């Protein structure tokens, strides 16, 4: 056995294929700039989500109010029409002689 290593083992223990150590995150100022950009984008997206949720909540509330108004005005209209029917019925009953002829 000689002191030579197997070429397969050398590639496992040595630097990356391009000769530079592979690090998942860039260090230093560039990494800080990237982190700040990502945090800014995240904050912007969170703001957009909150605004969208608020808009949906407002739309839901407006729809509920519209339904309530529709029921209220439909009831008022029905009551108004019913009053004219009741008035005509009362006048018709008043016009009938009390002896039933």
C-alpha atoms as a PDB file:
ATOM      1  CA  UNK A   1       0.000   0.000   0.000  1.00  0.00           C
ATOM      2  CA  UNK A   2       1.346   3.324  -0.984  1.00  0.00           C
ATOM      3  CA  UNK A   3       0.572   6.717   0.579  1.00  0.00           C
ATOM      4  CA  UNK A   4      -1.610   7.732  -2.353  1.00  0.00           C
ATOM      5  CA  UNK A   5      -5.311   8.313  -1.734  1.00  0.00           C
ATOM      6  CA  UNK A   6      -8.069   7.039  -3.906  1.00  0.00           C
ATOM      7  CA  UNK A   7      -9.211   9.839  -6.307  1.00  0.00           C
ATOM      8  CA  UNK A   8     -12.828   9.299  -5.217  1.00  0.00           C
ATOM      9  CA  UNK A   9     -11.929  10.039  -1.612  1.00  0.00           C
ATOM     10  CA  UNK A  10      -9.948  13.141  -2.578  1.00  0.00           C
ATOM     11  CA  UNK A  11     -12.996  14.743  -4.186  1.00  0.00           C
ATOM     12  CA  UNK A  12     -15.050  14.095  -1.065  1.00  0.00           C
ATOM     13  CA  UNK A  13     -12.634  15.796   1.293  1.00  0.00           C
ATOM     14  CA  UNK A  14     -11.333  18.581  -0.972  1.00  0.00           C
ATOM     15  CA  UNK A  15     -12.867  21.866  -2.020  1.00  0.00           C
ATOM     16  CA  UNK A  16     -15.839  22.102  -4.364  1.00  0.00           C
ATOM     17  CA  UNK A  17     -15.617  21.351  -8.062  1.00  0.00           C
ATOM     18  CA  UNK A  18     -14.633  24.905  -8.927  1.00  0.00           C
ATOM     19  CA  UNK A  19     -11.955  25.014  -6.258  1.00  0.00           C
ATOM     20  CA  UNK A  20     -13.983  27.259  -3.913  1.00  0.00           C
ATOM     21  CA  UNK A  21     -15.550  26.063  -0.699  1.00  0.00           C
ATOM     22  CA  UNK A  22     -19.315  25.814  -1.167  1.00  0.00           C
ATOM     23  CA  UNK A  23     -21.154  27.785   1.530  1.00  0.00           C
ATOM     24  CA  UNK A  24     -24.963  27.982   1.519  1.00  0.00           C
ATOM     25  CA  UNK A  25     -25.023  31.648   2.538  1.00  0.00           C
ATOM     26  CA  UNK A  26     -22.756  34.390   1.335  1.00  0.00           C
ATOM     27  CA  UNK A  27     -20.872  36.045   4.148  1.00  0.00           C
ATOM     28  CA  UNK A  28     -20.170  39.685   4.723  1.00  0.00           C
ATOM     29  CA  UNK A  29     -21.710  42.756   3.188  1.00  0.00           C
ATOM     30  CA  UNK A  30     -23.241  41.008   0.188  1.00  0.00           C
ATOM     31  CA  UNK A  31     -25.036  38.540   2.442  1.00  0.00           C
ATOM     32  CA  UNK A  32     -26.315  41.406   4.578  1.00  0.00           C
ATOM     33  CA  UNK A  33     -27.664  43.202   1.492  1.00  0.00           C
ATOM     34  CA  UNK A  34     -29.401  40.064   0.321  1.00  0.00           C
ATOM     35  CA  UNK A  35     -30.904  39.511   3.773  1.00  0.00           C
ATOM     36  CA  UNK A  36     -32.166  43.114   3.907  1.00  0.00           C
ATOM     37  CA  UNK A  37     -33.673  42.825   0.428  1.00  0.00           C
ATOM     38  CA  UNK A  38     -35.430  39.586   1.356  1.00  0.00           C
ATOM     39  CA  UNK A  39     -36.735  41.083   4.609  1.00  0.00           C
ATOM     40  CA  UNK A  40     -38.003  44.160   2.742  1.00  0.00           C
ATOM     41  CA  UNK A  41     -39.764  41.977   0.178  1.00  0.00           C
ATOM     42  CA  UNK A  42     -41.248  39.875   2.974  1.00  0.00           C
ATOM     43  CA  UNK A  43     -42.502  42.970   4.797  1.00  0.00           C
ATOM     44  CA  UNK A  44     -44.060  44.262   1.575  1.00  0.00           C
ATOM     45  CA  UNK A  45     -45.812  40.952   0.946  1.00  0.00           C
ATOM     46  CA  UNK A  46     -47.084  40.828   4.525  1.00  0.00           C
ATOM     47  CA  UNK A  47     -48.455  44.346   4.092  1.00  0.00           C
ATOM     48  CA  UNK A  48     -50.198  43.323   0.874  1.00  0.00           C
ATOM     49  CA  UNK A  49     -51.711  40.280   2.583  1.00  0.00           C
ATOM     50  CA  UNK A  50     -52.971  42.386   5.495  1.00  0.00           C
ATOM     51  CA  UNK A  51     -54.489  44.913   3.101  1.00  0.00           C
ATOM     52  CA  UNK A  52     -56.171  42.155   1.105  1.00  0.00           C
ATOM     53  CA  UNK A  53     -57.577  40.608   4.281  1.00  0.00           C
ATOM     54  CA  UNK A  54     -58.891  44.001   5.400  1.00  0.00           C
ATOM     55  CA  UNK A  55     -60.473  44.570   1.986  1.00  0.00           C
ATOM     56  CA  UNK A  56     -62.197  41.174   2.115  1.00  0.00           C
ATOM     57  CA  UNK A  57     -63.445  41.890   5.630  1.00  0.00           C
ATOM     58  CA  UNK A  58     -64.789  45.302   4.552  1.00  0.00           C
ATOM     59  CA  UNK A  59     -66.460  43.806   1.487  1.00  0.00           C
ATOM     60  CA  UNK A  60     -68.090  41.102   3.611  1.00  0.00           C
ATOM     61  CA  UNK A  61     -69.361  43.746   6.063  1.00  0.00           C
ATOM     62  CA  UNK A  62     -70.729  45.905   3.218  1.00  0.00           C
ATOM     63  CA  UNK A  63     -72.522  42.898   1.725  1.00  0.00           C
ATOM     64  CA  UNK A  64     -74.102  42.084   5.084  1.00  0.00           C
ATOM     65  CA  UNK A  65     -75.245  45.698   5.426  1.00  0.00           C
ATOM     66  CA  UNK A  66     -76.694  45.635   1.905  1.00  0.00           C
ATOM     67  CA  UNK A  67     -78.656  42.476   2.708  1.00  0.00           C
ATOM     68  CA  UNK A  68     -79.965  44.044   5.927  1.00  0.00           C
ATOM     69  CA  UNK A  69     -81.025  47.180   4.031  1.00  0.00           C
ATOM     70  CA  UNK A  70     -82.712  45.091   1.341  1.00  0.00           C
ATOM     71  CA  UNK A  71     -84.702  43.200   3.976  1.00  0.00           C
ATOM     72  CA  UNK A  72     -85.612  46.421   5.770  1.00  0.00           C
ATOM     73  CA  UNK A  73     -86.781  48.229   2.642  1.00  0.00           C
ATOM     74  CA  UNK A  74     -88.599  45.164   1.342  1.00  0.00           C
ATOM     75  CA  UNK A  75     -90.482  44.954   4.645  1.00  0.00           C
ATOM     76  CA  UNK A  76     -91.289  48.678   4.541  1.00  0.00           C
ATOM     77  CA  UNK A  77     -92.554  48.390   0.964  1.00  0.00           C
ATOM     78  CA  UNK A  78     -94.668  45.359   1.843  1.00  0.00           C
ATOM     79  CA  UNK A  79     -96.089  47.167   4.888  1.00  0.00           C
ATOM     80  CA  UNK A  80     -96.909  50.226   2.757  1.00  0.00           C
ATOM     81  CA  UNK A  81     -98.722  48.105   0.185  1.00  0.00           C
ATOM     82  CA  UNK A  82    -100.518  46.212   2.937  1.00  0.00           C
ATOM     83  CA  UNK A  83    -101.722  49.475   4.512  1.00  0.00           C
ATOM     84  CA  UNK A  84    -103.522  50.474   1.330  1.00  0.00           C
ATOM     85  CA  UNK A  85    -105.206  47.049   1.220  1.00  0.00           C
ATOM     86  CA  UNK A  86    -106.244  47.344   4.879  1.00  0.00           C
ATOM     87  CA  UNK A  87    -107.605  50.869   4.292  1.00  0.00           C
ATOM     88  CA  UNK A  88    -109.671  49.690   1.320  1.00  0.00           C
ATOM     89  CA  UNK A  89    -110.972  46.724   3.323  1.00  0.00           C
ATOM     90  CA  UNK A  90    -111.976  48.986   6.228  1.00  0.00           C
ATOM     91  CA  UNK A  91    -113.787  51.350   3.852  1.00  0.00           C
ATOM     92  CA  UNK A  92    -115.577  48.437   2.218  1.00  0.00           C
ATOM     93  CA  UNK A  93    -116.675  47.102   5.611  1.00  0.00           C
ATOM     94  CA  UNK A  94    -117.826  50.574   6.665  1.00  0.00           C
ATOM     95  CA  UNK A  95    -119.917  50.866   3.502  1.00  0.00           C
ATOM     96  CA  UNK A  96    -121.814  47.649   4.260  1.00  0.00           C
ATOM     97  CA  UNK A  97    -125.022  48.338   6.216  1.00  0.00           C
ATOM     98  CA  UNK A  98    -125.013  46.888   9.746  1.00  0.00           C
ATOM     99  CA  UNK A  99    -128.122  44.723   9.150  1.00  0.00           C
ATOM    100  CA  UNK A 100    -126.242  42.599   6.545  1.00  0.00           C
ATOM    101  CA  UNK A 101    -128.391  43.488   3.511  1.00  0.00           C
END
